[in-house]
Amino acid sequence: MAVTKSERRERRRRRVRSTVHGVANRPRLNVFRSDKHIHVQLIDDEAGHTLAAASTLEKDIQSRKMKKTEQAVAVGKLLAERALAKQITQVVFDRAGYRYHGRVKGVADGAREGGLKF
């Protein structure tokens, strides 16, 4: 039986999550990528809370005409801005099984430009 692309990603996601763990002072920066949008969250795994989030669905990002990779960079910067407002400077990057390429890399670059340290 053939393993689908989504099943392979899910296996990679589980493998990464077994080692990547976020705490309050160094939360996990989680990325979810759909066909049209990208969503990012800062998650404290010990408390089980989302500390900050950003997405391409937000009006200030959606109102500007940009390519999807440019939107991902803007989302990363927006998340970094919100994290710095809550005195969060260091994060652990969780790519959720996606390749570190394109939009996922764009989010990471945008977050770094915004002031977060990985």
PDB file of N, CA and C in Angstrom:
ATOM      1  N   MET A   1       0.846  -1.188   0.000  1.00  0.00           N
ATOM      2  CA  MET A   1       0.000   0.000   0.000  1.00  0.00           C
ATOM      3  C   MET A   1       0.887   1.245   0.000  1.00  0.00           C
ATOM      4  N   ALA A   2       0.593   2.160  -0.890  1.00  0.00           N
ATOM      5  CA  ALA A   2       1.402   3.368  -1.043  1.00  0.00           C
ATOM      6  C   ALA A   2       1.113   4.361   0.084  1.00  0.00           C
ATOM      7  N   VAL A   3       2.161   5.009   0.529  1.00  0.00           N
ATOM      8  CA  VAL A   3       2.029   6.027   1.562  1.00  0.00           C
ATOM      9  C   VAL A   3       1.825   7.378   0.868  1.00  0.00           C
ATOM     10  N   THR A   4       0.797   8.107   1.275  1.00  0.00           N
ATOM     11  CA  THR A   4       0.488   9.380   0.626  1.00  0.00           C
ATOM     12  C   THR A   4       1.431  10.475   1.111  1.00  0.00           C
ATOM     13  N   LYS A   5       1.417  11.570   0.389  1.00  0.00           N
ATOM     14  CA  LYS A   5       2.254  12.713   0.719  1.00  0.00           C
ATOM     15  C   LYS A   5       1.909  13.271   2.104  1.00  0.00           C
ATOM     16  N   SER A   6       0.621  13.345   2.416  1.00  0.00           N
ATOM     17  CA  SER A   6       0.213  13.870   3.721  1.00  0.00           C
ATOM     18  C   SER A   6       0.600  12.924   4.850  1.00  0.00           C
ATOM     19  N   GLU A   7       0.584  11.629   4.612  1.00  0.00           N
ATOM     20  CA  GLU A   7       1.014  10.671   5.634  1.00  0.00           C
ATOM     21  C   GLU A   7       2.515  10.786   5.897  1.00  0.00           C
ATOM     22  N   ARG A   8       3.296  11.005   4.847  1.00  0.00           N
ATOM     23  CA  ARG A   8       4.734  11.194   5.027  1.00  0.00           C
ATOM     24  C   ARG A   8       5.011  12.455   5.832  1.00  0.00           C
ATOM     25  N   ARG A   9       4.275  13.550   5.543  1.00  0.00           N
ATOM     26  CA  ARG A   9       4.440  14.793   6.294  1.00  0.00           C
ATOM     27  C   ARG A   9       4.067  14.585   7.756  1.00  0.00           C
ATOM     28  N   GLU A  10       3.002  13.842   8.000  1.00  0.00           N
ATOM     29  CA  GLU A  10       2.562  13.579   9.369  1.00  0.00           C
ATOM     30  C   GLU A  10       3.622  12.785  10.140  1.00  0.00           C
ATOM     31  N   ARG A  11       4.266  11.841   9.497  1.00  0.00           N
ATOM     32  CA  ARG A  11       5.352  11.091  10.143  1.00  0.00           C
ATOM     33  C   ARG A  11       6.512  12.004  10.499  1.00  0.00           C
ATOM     34  N   ARG A  12       6.876  12.883   9.563  1.00  0.00           N
ATOM     35  CA  ARG A  12       7.956  13.846   9.839  1.00  0.00           C
ATOM     36  C   ARG A  12       7.557  14.771  10.974  1.00  0.00           C
ATOM     37  N   ARG A  13       6.295  15.225  10.988  1.00  0.00           N
ATOM     38  CA  ARG A  13       5.807  16.123  12.030  1.00  0.00           C
ATOM     39  C   ARG A  13       5.928  15.463  13.406  1.00  0.00           C
ATOM     40  N   ARG A  14       5.507  14.207  13.510  1.00  0.00           N
ATOM     41  CA  ARG A  14       5.599  13.493  14.791  1.00  0.00           C
ATOM     42  C   ARG A  14       7.042  13.326  15.239  1.00  0.00           C
ATOM     43  N   ARG A  15       7.914  13.028  14.296  1.00  0.00           N
ATOM     44  CA  ARG A  15       9.321  12.840  14.623  1.00  0.00           C
ATOM     45  C   ARG A  15       9.941  14.146  15.136  1.00  0.00           C
ATOM     46  N   VAL A  16       9.627  15.260  14.482  1.00  0.00           N
ATOM     47  CA  VAL A  16      10.143  16.560  14.910  1.00  0.00           C
ATOM     48  C   VAL A  16       9.574  16.931  16.270  1.00  0.00           C
ATOM     49  N   ARG A  17       8.276  16.696  16.472  1.00  0.00           N
ATOM     50  CA  ARG A  17       7.626  17.069  17.736  1.00  0.00           C
ATOM     51  C   ARG A  17       8.116  16.252  18.922  1.00  0.00           C
ATOM     52  N   SER A  18       8.738  15.092  18.667  1.00  0.00           N
ATOM     53  CA  SER A  18       9.265  14.313  19.789  1.00  0.00           C
ATOM     54  C   SER A  18      10.477  14.996  20.407  1.00  0.00           C
ATOM     55  N   THR A  19      11.129  15.894  19.676  1.00  0.00           N
ATOM     56  CA  THR A  19      12.303  16.585  20.203  1.00  0.00           C
ATOM     57  C   THR A  19      12.072  18.070  20.441  1.00  0.00           C
ATOM     58  N   VAL A  20      11.194  18.708  19.679  1.00  0.00           N
ATOM     59  CA  VAL A  20      10.955  20.148  19.812  1.00  0.00           C
ATOM     60  C   VAL A  20       9.880  20.372  20.867  1.00  0.00           C
ATOM     61  N   HIS A  21      10.229  21.159  21.899  1.00  0.00           N
ATOM     62  CA  HIS A  21       9.306  21.413  23.002  1.00  0.00           C
ATOM     63  C   HIS A  21       9.421  22.872  23.407  1.00  0.00           C
ATOM     64  N   GLY A  22       8.300  23.573  23.483  1.00  0.00           N
ATOM     65  CA  GLY A  22       8.310  24.986  23.837  1.00  0.00           C
ATOM     66  C   GLY A  22       7.944  25.213  25.285  1.00  0.00           C
ATOM     67  N   VAL A  23       8.600  26.166  25.923  1.00  0.00           N
ATOM     68  CA  VAL A  23       8.285  26.574  27.294  1.00  0.00           C
ATOM     69  C   VAL A  23       7.954  28.061  27.272  1.00  0.00           C
ATOM     70  N   ALA A  24       7.549  28.607  28.415  1.00  0.00           N
ATOM     71  CA  ALA A  24       7.052  29.980  28.453  1.00  0.00           C
ATOM     72  C   ALA A  24       8.097  30.998  27.992  1.00  0.00           C
ATOM     73  N   ASN A  25       9.357  30.841  28.429  1.00  0.00           N
ATOM     74  CA  ASN A  25      10.362  31.829  28.047  1.00  0.00           C
ATOM     75  C   ASN A  25      10.988  31.536  26.679  1.00  0.00           C
ATOM     76  N   ARG A  26      10.787  30.334  26.144  1.00  0.00           N
ATOM     77  CA  ARG A  26      11.255  29.976  24.790  1.00  0.00           C
ATOM     78  C   ARG A  26      10.186  29.108  24.122  1.00  0.00           C
ATOM     79  N   PRO A  27       9.108  29.737  23.625  1.00  0.00           N
ATOM     80  CA  PRO A  27       7.999  28.963  23.065  1.00  0.00           C
ATOM     81  C   PRO A  27       8.330  28.372  21.697  1.00  0.00           C
ATOM     82  N   ARG A  28       7.466  27.474  21.275  1.00  0.00           N
ATOM     83  CA  ARG A  28       7.601  26.813  19.977  1.00  0.00           C
ATOM     84  C   ARG A  28       6.884  27.654  18.929  1.00  0.00           C
ATOM     85  N   LEU A  29       7.591  27.978  17.848  1.00  0.00           N
ATOM     86  CA  LEU A  29       7.000  28.715  16.743  1.00  0.00           C
ATOM     87  C   LEU A  29       6.504  27.679  15.741  1.00  0.00           C
ATOM     88  N   ASN A  30       5.207  27.440  15.732  1.00  0.00           N
ATOM     89  CA  ASN A  30       4.604  26.414  14.894  1.00  0.00           C
ATOM     90  C   ASN A  30       4.095  27.035  13.598  1.00  0.00           C
ATOM     91  N   VAL A  31       4.293  26.331  12.485  1.00  0.00           N
ATOM     92  CA  VAL A  31       3.881  26.801  11.163  1.00  0.00           C
ATOM     93  C   VAL A  31       2.848  25.827  10.604  1.00  0.00           C
ATOM     94  N   PHE A  32       1.725  26.370  10.102  1.00  0.00           N
ATOM     95  CA  PHE A  32       0.778  25.564   9.339  1.00  0.00           C
ATOM     96  C   PHE A  32       0.625  26.212   7.986  1.00  0.00           C
ATOM     97  N   ARG A  33       0.790  25.420   6.941  1.00  0.00           N
ATOM     98  CA  ARG A  33       0.759  25.922   5.574  1.00  0.00           C
ATOM     99  C   ARG A  33      -0.376  25.233   4.827  1.00  0.00           C
ATOM    100  N   SER A  34      -1.311  26.012   4.338  1.00  0.00           N
ATOM    101  CA  SER A  34      -2.339  25.446   3.467  1.00  0.00           C
ATOM    102  C   SER A  34      -2.031  25.884   2.038  1.00  0.00           C
ATOM    103  N   ASP A  35      -2.905  25.553   1.100  1.00  0.00           N
ATOM    104  CA  ASP A  35      -2.650  25.941  -0.284  1.00  0.00           C
ATOM    105  C   ASP A  35      -2.664  27.459  -0.463  1.00  0.00           C
ATOM    106  N   LYS A  36      -3.566  28.142   0.232  1.00  0.00           N
ATOM    107  CA  LYS A  36      -3.713  29.585   0.044  1.00  0.00           C
ATOM    108  C   LYS A  36      -3.083  30.417   1.155  1.00  0.00           C
ATOM    109  N   HIS A  37      -3.047  29.909   2.376  1.00  0.00           N
ATOM    110  CA  HIS A  37      -2.660  30.726   3.525  1.00  0.00           C
ATOM    111  C   HIS A  37      -1.566  30.066   4.346  1.00  0.00           C
ATOM    112  N   ILE A  38      -1.015  30.862   5.268  1.00  0.00           N
ATOM    113  CA  ILE A  38      -0.038  30.340   6.209  1.00  0.00           C
ATOM    114  C   ILE A  38      -0.384  30.911   7.586  1.00  0.00           C
ATOM    115  N   HIS A  39      -0.319  30.061   8.592  1.00  0.00           N
ATOM    116  CA  HIS A  39      -0.659  30.440   9.959  1.00  0.00           C
ATOM    117  C   HIS A  39       0.536  30.098  10.843  1.00  0.00           C
ATOM    118  N   VAL A  40       0.873  30.980  11.775  1.00  0.00           N
ATOM    119  CA  VAL A  40       1.964  30.716  12.713  1.00  0.00           C
ATOM    120  C   VAL A  40       1.486  31.027  14.125  1.00  0.00           C
ATOM    121  N   GLN A  41       2.012  30.255  15.081  1.00  0.00           N
ATOM    122  CA  GLN A  41       1.648  30.438  16.484  1.00  0.00           C
ATOM    123  C   GLN A  41       2.881  30.281  17.345  1.00  0.00           C
ATOM    124  N   LEU A  42       2.909  30.988  18.465  1.00  0.00           N
ATOM    125  CA  LEU A  42       3.891  30.751  19.508  1.00  0.00           C
ATOM    126  C   LEU A  42       3.174  29.979  20.603  1.00  0.00           C
ATOM    127  N   ILE A  43       3.664  28.779  20.897  1.00  0.00           N
ATOM    128  CA  ILE A  43       2.958  27.877  21.798  1.00  0.00           C
ATOM    129  C   ILE A  43       3.833  27.528  22.988  1.00  0.00           C
ATOM    130  N   ASP A  44       3.257  27.655  24.190  1.00  0.00           N
ATOM    131  CA  ASP A  44       3.878  27.175  25.417  1.00  0.00           C
ATOM    132  C   ASP A  44       3.330  25.775  25.660  1.00  0.00           C
ATOM    133  N   ASP A  45       4.142  24.754  25.420  1.00  0.00           N
ATOM    134  CA  ASP A  45       3.673  23.374  25.516  1.00  0.00           C
ATOM    135  C   ASP A  45       3.426  22.929  26.951  1.00  0.00           C
ATOM    136  N   GLU A  46       4.121  23.513  27.916  1.00  0.00           N
ATOM    137  CA  GLU A  46       3.908  23.118  29.307  1.00  0.00           C
ATOM    138  C   GLU A  46       2.524  23.533  29.791  1.00  0.00           C
ATOM    139  N   ALA A  47       2.117  24.759  29.468  1.00  0.00           N
ATOM    140  CA  ALA A  47       0.806  25.243  29.880  1.00  0.00           C
ATOM    141  C   ALA A  47      -0.272  24.898  28.855  1.00  0.00           C
ATOM    142  N   GLY A  48       0.142  24.580  27.629  1.00  0.00           N
ATOM    143  CA  GLY A  48      -0.825  24.275  26.591  1.00  0.00           C
ATOM    144  C   GLY A  48      -1.534  25.502  26.064  1.00  0.00           C
ATOM    145  N   HIS A  49      -0.838  26.655  26.036  1.00  0.00           N
ATOM    146  CA  HIS A  49      -1.448  27.907  25.602  1.00  0.00           C
ATOM    147  C   HIS A  49      -0.748  28.474  24.379  1.00  0.00           C
ATOM    148  N   THR A  50      -1.529  29.150  23.547  1.00  0.00           N
ATOM    149  CA  THR A  50      -0.974  29.914  22.446  1.00  0.00           C
ATOM    150  C   THR A  50      -0.689  31.314  22.964  1.00  0.00           C
ATOM    151  N   LEU A  51       0.564  31.749  22.856  1.00  0.00           N
ATOM    152  CA  LEU A  51       0.971  33.048  23.379  1.00  0.00           C
ATOM    153  C   LEU A  51       0.769  34.170  22.363  1.00  0.00           C
ATOM    154  N   ALA A  52       0.967  33.869  21.092  1.00  0.00           N
ATOM    155  CA  ALA A  52       0.760  34.855  20.027  1.00  0.00           C
ATOM    156  C   ALA A  52       0.507  34.095  18.728  1.00  0.00           C
ATOM    157  N   ALA A  53      -0.180  34.751  17.809  1.00  0.00           N
ATOM    158  CA  ALA A  53      -0.478  34.107  16.525  1.00  0.00           C
ATOM    159  C   ALA A  53      -0.556  35.166  15.439  1.00  0.00           C
ATOM    160  N   ALA A  54      -0.329  34.723  14.209  1.00  0.00           N
ATOM    161  CA  ALA A  54      -0.468  35.604  13.044  1.00  0.00           C
ATOM    162  C   ALA A  54      -0.827  34.734  11.845  1.00  0.00           C
ATOM    163  N   SER A  55      -1.422  35.353  10.838  1.00  0.00           N
ATOM    164  CA  SER A  55      -1.890  34.600   9.684  1.00  0.00           C
ATOM    165  C   SER A  55      -2.019  35.517   8.481  1.00  0.00           C
ATOM    166  N   THR A  56      -2.056  34.930   7.307  1.00  0.00           N
ATOM    167  CA  THR A  56      -2.289  35.718   6.095  1.00  0.00           C
ATOM    168  C   THR A  56      -3.741  36.147   5.972  1.00  0.00           C
ATOM    169  N   LEU A  57      -4.603  35.664   6.842  1.00  0.00           N
ATOM    170  CA  LEU A  57      -6.010  36.044   6.822  1.00  0.00           C
ATOM    171  C   LEU A  57      -6.259  37.402   7.467  1.00  0.00           C
ATOM    172  N   GLU A  58      -5.235  37.986   8.101  1.00  0.00           N
ATOM    173  CA  GLU A  58      -5.408  39.272   8.767  1.00  0.00           C
ATOM    174  C   GLU A  58      -5.507  40.387   7.732  1.00  0.00           C
ATOM    175  N   LYS A  59      -6.329  41.385   8.056  1.00  0.00           N
ATOM    176  CA  LYS A  59      -6.677  42.419   7.084  1.00  0.00           C
ATOM    177  C   LYS A  59      -5.473  43.202   6.575  1.00  0.00           C
ATOM    178  N   ASP A  60      -4.511  43.538   7.449  1.00  0.00           N
ATOM    179  CA  ASP A  60      -3.378  44.353   6.999  1.00  0.00           C
ATOM    180  C   ASP A  60      -2.462  43.595   6.037  1.00  0.00           C
ATOM    181  N   ILE A  61      -2.424  42.281   6.124  1.00  0.00           N
ATOM    182  CA  ILE A  61      -1.616  41.489   5.191  1.00  0.00           C
ATOM    183  C   ILE A  61      -2.413  41.177   3.934  1.00  0.00           C
ATOM    184  N   GLN A  62      -3.695  40.868   4.114  1.00  0.00           N
ATOM    185  CA  GLN A  62      -4.534  40.499   2.977  1.00  0.00           C
ATOM    186  C   GLN A  62      -4.831  41.687   2.062  1.00  0.00           C
ATOM    187  N   SER A  63      -4.816  42.896   2.622  1.00  0.00           N
ATOM    188  CA  SER A  63      -5.153  44.068   1.814  1.00  0.00           C
ATOM    189  C   SER A  63      -4.062  44.412   0.807  1.00  0.00           C
ATOM    190  N   ARG A  64      -2.807  44.030   1.106  1.00  0.00           N
ATOM    191  CA  ARG A  64      -1.707  44.316   0.190  1.00  0.00           C
ATOM    192  C   ARG A  64      -1.573  43.194  -0.841  1.00  0.00           C
ATOM    193  N   LYS A  65      -1.274  43.562  -2.071  1.00  0.00           N
ATOM    194  CA  LYS A  65      -1.064  42.566  -3.129  1.00  0.00           C
ATOM    195  C   LYS A  65       0.371  42.068  -3.034  1.00  0.00           C
ATOM    196  N   MET A  66       0.547  40.804  -2.636  1.00  0.00           N
ATOM    197  CA  MET A  66       1.874  40.207  -2.521  1.00  0.00           C
ATOM    198  C   MET A  66       1.804  38.761  -2.976  1.00  0.00           C
ATOM    199  N   LYS A  67       2.957  38.226  -3.328  1.00  0.00           N
ATOM    200  CA  LYS A  67       3.041  36.800  -3.604  1.00  0.00           C
ATOM    201  C   LYS A  67       2.987  36.053  -2.279  1.00  0.00           C
ATOM    202  N   LYS A  68       2.736  34.744  -2.339  1.00  0.00           N
ATOM    203  CA  LYS A  68       2.577  33.956  -1.105  1.00  0.00           C
ATOM    204  C   LYS A  68       3.847  33.942  -0.266  1.00  0.00           C
ATOM    205  N   THR A  69       5.017  33.906  -0.886  1.00  0.00           N
ATOM    206  CA  THR A  69       6.265  33.913  -0.130  1.00  0.00           C
ATOM    207  C   THR A  69       6.459  35.253   0.565  1.00  0.00           C
ATOM    208  N   GLU A  70       6.119  36.347  -0.108  1.00  0.00           N
ATOM    209  CA  GLU A  70       6.202  37.671   0.506  1.00  0.00           C
ATOM    210  C   GLU A  70       5.215  37.795   1.662  1.00  0.00           C
ATOM    211  N   GLN A  71       4.040  37.204   1.515  1.00  0.00           N
ATOM    212  CA  GLN A  71       3.067  37.200   2.610  1.00  0.00           C
ATOM    213  C   GLN A  71       3.620  36.450   3.812  1.00  0.00           C
ATOM    214  N   ALA A  72       4.315  35.335   3.564  1.00  0.00           N
ATOM    215  CA  ALA A  72       4.886  34.544   4.652  1.00  0.00           C
ATOM    216  C   ALA A  72       5.915  35.353   5.422  1.00  0.00           C
ATOM    217  N   VAL A  73       6.740  36.132   4.726  1.00  0.00           N
ATOM    218  CA  VAL A  73       7.724  36.985   5.392  1.00  0.00           C
ATOM    219  C   VAL A  73       7.003  38.030   6.245  1.00  0.00           C
ATOM    220  N   ALA A  74       5.935  38.624   5.704  1.00  0.00           N
ATOM    221  CA  ALA A  74       5.158  39.620   6.445  1.00  0.00           C
ATOM    222  C   ALA A  74       4.516  39.010   7.685  1.00  0.00           C
ATOM    223  N   VAL A  75       4.036  37.774   7.582  1.00  0.00           N
ATOM    224  CA  VAL A  75       3.436  37.087   8.736  1.00  0.00           C
ATOM    225  C   VAL A  75       4.503  36.838   9.803  1.00  0.00           C
ATOM    226  N   GLY A  76       5.698  36.429   9.384  1.00  0.00           N
ATOM    227  CA  GLY A  76       6.797  36.220  10.327  1.00  0.00           C
ATOM    228  C   GLY A  76       7.158  37.497  11.067  1.00  0.00           C
ATOM    229  N   LYS A  77       7.206  38.617  10.347  1.00  0.00           N
ATOM    230  CA  LYS A  77       7.512  39.912  10.981  1.00  0.00           C
ATOM    231  C   LYS A  77       6.415  40.317  11.960  1.00  0.00           C
ATOM    232  N   LEU A  78       5.161  40.096  11.566  1.00  0.00           N
ATOM    233  CA  LEU A  78       4.031  40.442  12.434  1.00  0.00           C
ATOM    234  C   LEU A  78       4.056  39.613  13.714  1.00  0.00           C
ATOM    235  N   LEU A  79       4.355  38.328  13.592  1.00  0.00           N
ATOM    236  CA  LEU A  79       4.441  37.477  14.779  1.00  0.00           C
ATOM    237  C   LEU A  79       5.587  37.926  15.681  1.00  0.00           C
ATOM    238  N   ALA A  80       6.724  38.280  15.090  1.00  0.00           N
ATOM    239  CA  ALA A  80       7.865  38.748  15.879  1.00  0.00           C
ATOM    240  C   ALA A  80       7.511  40.026  16.638  1.00  0.00           C
ATOM    241  N   GLU A  81       6.782  40.911  15.982  1.00  0.00           N
ATOM    242  CA  GLU A  81       6.355  42.158  16.620  1.00  0.00           C
ATOM    243  C   GLU A  81       5.466  41.861  17.834  1.00  0.00           C
ATOM    244  N   ARG A  82       4.529  40.938  17.670  1.00  0.00           N
ATOM    245  CA  ARG A  82       3.633  40.574  18.776  1.00  0.00           C
ATOM    246  C   ARG A  82       4.371  39.853  19.890  1.00  0.00           C
ATOM    247  N   ALA A  83       5.370  39.043  19.528  1.00  0.00           N
ATOM    248  CA  ALA A  83       6.153  38.327  20.535  1.00  0.00           C
ATOM    249  C   ALA A  83       7.004  39.295  21.340  1.00  0.00           C
ATOM    250  N   LEU A  84       7.636  40.254  20.670  1.00  0.00           N
ATOM    251  CA  LEU A  84       8.469  41.226  21.375  1.00  0.00           C
ATOM    252  C   LEU A  84       7.638  42.094  22.312  1.00  0.00           C
ATOM    253  N   ALA A  85       6.382  42.330  21.957  1.00  0.00           N
ATOM    254  CA  ALA A  85       5.487  43.087  22.838  1.00  0.00           C
ATOM    255  C   ALA A  85       5.221  42.329  24.136  1.00  0.00           C
ATOM    256  N   LYS A  86       5.344  41.003  24.088  1.00  0.00           N
ATOM    257  CA  LYS A  86       5.156  40.169  25.283  1.00  0.00           C
ATOM    258  C   LYS A  86       6.486  39.738  25.889  1.00  0.00           C
ATOM    259  N   GLN A  87       7.574  40.441  25.545  1.00  0.00           N
ATOM    260  CA  GLN A  87       8.929  40.162  26.041  1.00  0.00           C
ATOM    261  C   GLN A  87       9.413  38.756  25.695  1.00  0.00           C
ATOM    262  N   ILE A  88       9.046  38.238  24.540  1.00  0.00           N
ATOM    263  CA  ILE A  88       9.538  36.944  24.066  1.00  0.00           C
ATOM    264  C   ILE A  88      10.562  37.238  22.977  1.00  0.00           C
ATOM    265  N   THR A  89      11.805  36.800  23.190  1.00  0.00           N
ATOM    266  CA  THR A  89      12.858  37.068  22.203  1.00  0.00           C
ATOM    267  C   THR A  89      13.413  35.792  21.593  1.00  0.00           C
ATOM    268  N   GLN A  90      13.296  34.656  22.282  1.00  0.00           N
ATOM    269  CA  GLN A  90      13.839  33.401  21.773  1.00  0.00           C
ATOM    270  C   GLN A  90      12.708  32.401  21.554  1.00  0.00           C
ATOM    271  N   VAL A  91      12.802  31.671  20.441  1.00  0.00           N
ATOM    272  CA  VAL A  91      11.795  30.665  20.114  1.00  0.00           C
ATOM    273  C   VAL A  91      12.482  29.408  19.605  1.00  0.00           C
ATOM    274  N   VAL A  92      11.712  28.318  19.563  1.00  0.00           N
ATOM    275  CA  VAL A  92      12.148  27.070  18.946  1.00  0.00           C
ATOM    276  C   VAL A  92      11.296  26.912  17.688  1.00  0.00           C
ATOM    277  N   PHE A  93      11.928  26.732  16.538  1.00  0.00           N
ATOM    278  CA  PHE A  93      11.191  26.673  15.272  1.00  0.00           C
ATOM    279  C   PHE A  93      10.686  25.265  15.014  1.00  0.00           C
ATOM    280  N   ASP A  94       9.372  25.144  14.794  1.00  0.00           N
ATOM    281  CA  ASP A  94       8.735  23.865  14.481  1.00  0.00           C
ATOM    282  C   ASP A  94       8.134  23.976  13.089  1.00  0.00           C
ATOM    283  N   ARG A  95       8.779  23.345  12.111  1.00  0.00           N
ATOM    284  CA  ARG A  95       8.320  23.447  10.733  1.00  0.00           C
ATOM    285  C   ARG A  95       7.195  22.464  10.435  1.00  0.00           C
ATOM    286  N   ALA A  96       6.805  21.638  11.391  1.00  0.00           N
ATOM    287  CA  ALA A  96       5.641  20.746  11.302  1.00  0.00           C
ATOM    288  C   ALA A  96       5.711  19.783  10.126  1.00  0.00           C
ATOM    289  N   GLY A  97       6.893  19.302   9.799  1.00  0.00           N
ATOM    290  CA  GLY A  97       7.036  18.319   8.737  1.00  0.00           C
ATOM    291  C   GLY A  97       7.168  18.903   7.347  1.00  0.00           C
ATOM    292  N   TYR A  98       6.997  20.225   7.205  1.00  0.00           N
ATOM    293  CA  TYR A  98       7.161  20.859   5.903  1.00  0.00           C
ATOM    294  C   TYR A  98       8.649  21.053   5.638  1.00  0.00           C
ATOM    295  N   ARG A  99       9.023  21.068   4.356  1.00  0.00           N
ATOM    296  CA  ARG A  99      10.411  21.324   4.005  1.00  0.00           C
ATOM    297  C   ARG A  99      10.764  22.766   4.348  1.00  0.00           C
ATOM    298  N   TYR A 100      11.983  22.989   4.810  1.00  0.00           N
ATOM    299  CA  TYR A 100      12.443  24.338   5.130  1.00  0.00           C
ATOM    300  C   TYR A 100      12.806  25.015   3.812  1.00  0.00           C
ATOM    301  N   HIS A 101      11.782  25.514   3.120  1.00  0.00           N
ATOM    302  CA  HIS A 101      11.952  26.035   1.782  1.00  0.00           C
ATOM    303  C   HIS A 101      10.734  26.889   1.478  1.00  0.00           C
ATOM    304  N   GLY A 102      10.887  27.908   0.686  1.00  0.00           N
ATOM    305  CA  GLY A 102       9.746  28.686   0.229  1.00  0.00           C
ATOM    306  C   GLY A 102       9.063  29.453   1.339  1.00  0.00           C
ATOM    307  N   ARG A 103       7.762  29.195   1.531  1.00  0.00           N
ATOM    308  CA  ARG A 103       6.981  29.955   2.506  1.00  0.00           C
ATOM    309  C   ARG A 103       7.393  29.673   3.937  1.00  0.00           C
ATOM    310  N   VAL A 104       7.776  28.430   4.242  1.00  0.00           N
ATOM    311  CA  VAL A 104       8.210  28.087   5.598  1.00  0.00           C
ATOM    312  C   VAL A 104       9.503  28.832   5.920  1.00  0.00           C
ATOM    313  N   LYS A 105      10.418  28.863   4.977  1.00  0.00           N
ATOM    314  CA  LYS A 105      11.663  29.610   5.153  1.00  0.00           C
ATOM    315  C   LYS A 105      11.375  31.105   5.238  1.00  0.00           C
ATOM    316  N   GLY A 106      10.398  31.577   4.475  1.00  0.00           N
ATOM    317  CA  GLY A 106      10.003  32.985   4.514  1.00  0.00           C
ATOM    318  C   GLY A 106       9.507  33.408   5.880  1.00  0.00           C
ATOM    319  N   VAL A 107       8.719  32.552   6.524  1.00  0.00           N
ATOM    320  CA  VAL A 107       8.240  32.847   7.878  1.00  0.00           C
ATOM    321  C   VAL A 107       9.429  32.962   8.832  1.00  0.00           C
ATOM    322  N   ALA A 108      10.356  32.018   8.740  1.00  0.00           N
ATOM    323  CA  ALA A 108      11.524  32.032   9.618  1.00  0.00           C
ATOM    324  C   ALA A 108      12.369  33.285   9.381  1.00  0.00           C
ATOM    325  N   ASP A 109      12.580  33.635   8.120  1.00  0.00           N
ATOM    326  CA  ASP A 109      13.368  34.832   7.806  1.00  0.00           C
ATOM    327  C   ASP A 109      12.676  36.103   8.317  1.00  0.00           C
ATOM    328  N   GLY A 110      11.370  36.164   8.135  1.00  0.00           N
ATOM    329  CA  GLY A 110      10.609  37.330   8.610  1.00  0.00           C
ATOM    330  C   GLY A 110      10.651  37.453  10.124  1.00  0.00           C
ATOM    331  N   ALA A 111      10.556  36.333  10.817  1.00  0.00           N
ATOM    332  CA  ALA A 111      10.627  36.355  12.285  1.00  0.00           C
ATOM    333  C   ALA A 111      12.011  36.796  12.750  1.00  0.00           C
ATOM    334  N   ARG A 112      13.045  36.334  12.056  1.00  0.00           N
ATOM    335  CA  ARG A 112      14.405  36.762  12.408  1.00  0.00           C
ATOM    336  C   ARG A 112      14.592  38.253  12.154  1.00  0.00           C
ATOM    337  N   GLU A 113      14.072  38.746  11.022  1.00  0.00           N
ATOM    338  CA  GLU A 113      14.161  40.177  10.716  1.00  0.00           C
ATOM    339  C   GLU A 113      13.425  40.987  11.770  1.00  0.00           C
ATOM    340  N   GLY A 114      12.335  40.426  12.281  1.00  0.00           N
ATOM    341  CA  GLY A 114      11.546  41.110  13.301  1.00  0.00           C
ATOM    342  C   GLY A 114      12.194  41.118  14.666  1.00  0.00           C
ATOM    343  N   GLY A 115      13.238  40.315  14.875  1.00  0.00           N
ATOM    344  CA  GLY A 115      13.961  40.370  16.143  1.00  0.00           C
ATOM    345  C   GLY A 115      13.938  39.087  16.963  1.00  0.00           C
ATOM    346  N   LEU A 116      13.318  38.025  16.463  1.00  0.00           N
ATOM    347  CA  LEU A 116      13.313  36.766  17.226  1.00  0.00           C
ATOM    348  C   LEU A 116      14.604  35.997  16.971  1.00  0.00           C
ATOM    349  N   LYS A 117      15.046  35.286  17.985  1.00  0.00           N
ATOM    350  CA  LYS A 117      16.243  34.443  17.869  1.00  0.00           C
ATOM    351  C   LYS A 117      15.834  32.994  17.933  1.00  0.00           C
ATOM    352  N   PHE A 118      16.390  32.192  17.016  1.00  0.00           N
ATOM    353  CA  PHE A 118      16.077  30.759  16.960  1.00  0.00           C
ATOM    354  C   PHE A 118      17.210  30.001  17.603  1.00  0.00           C
TER     355      PHE A 118
END
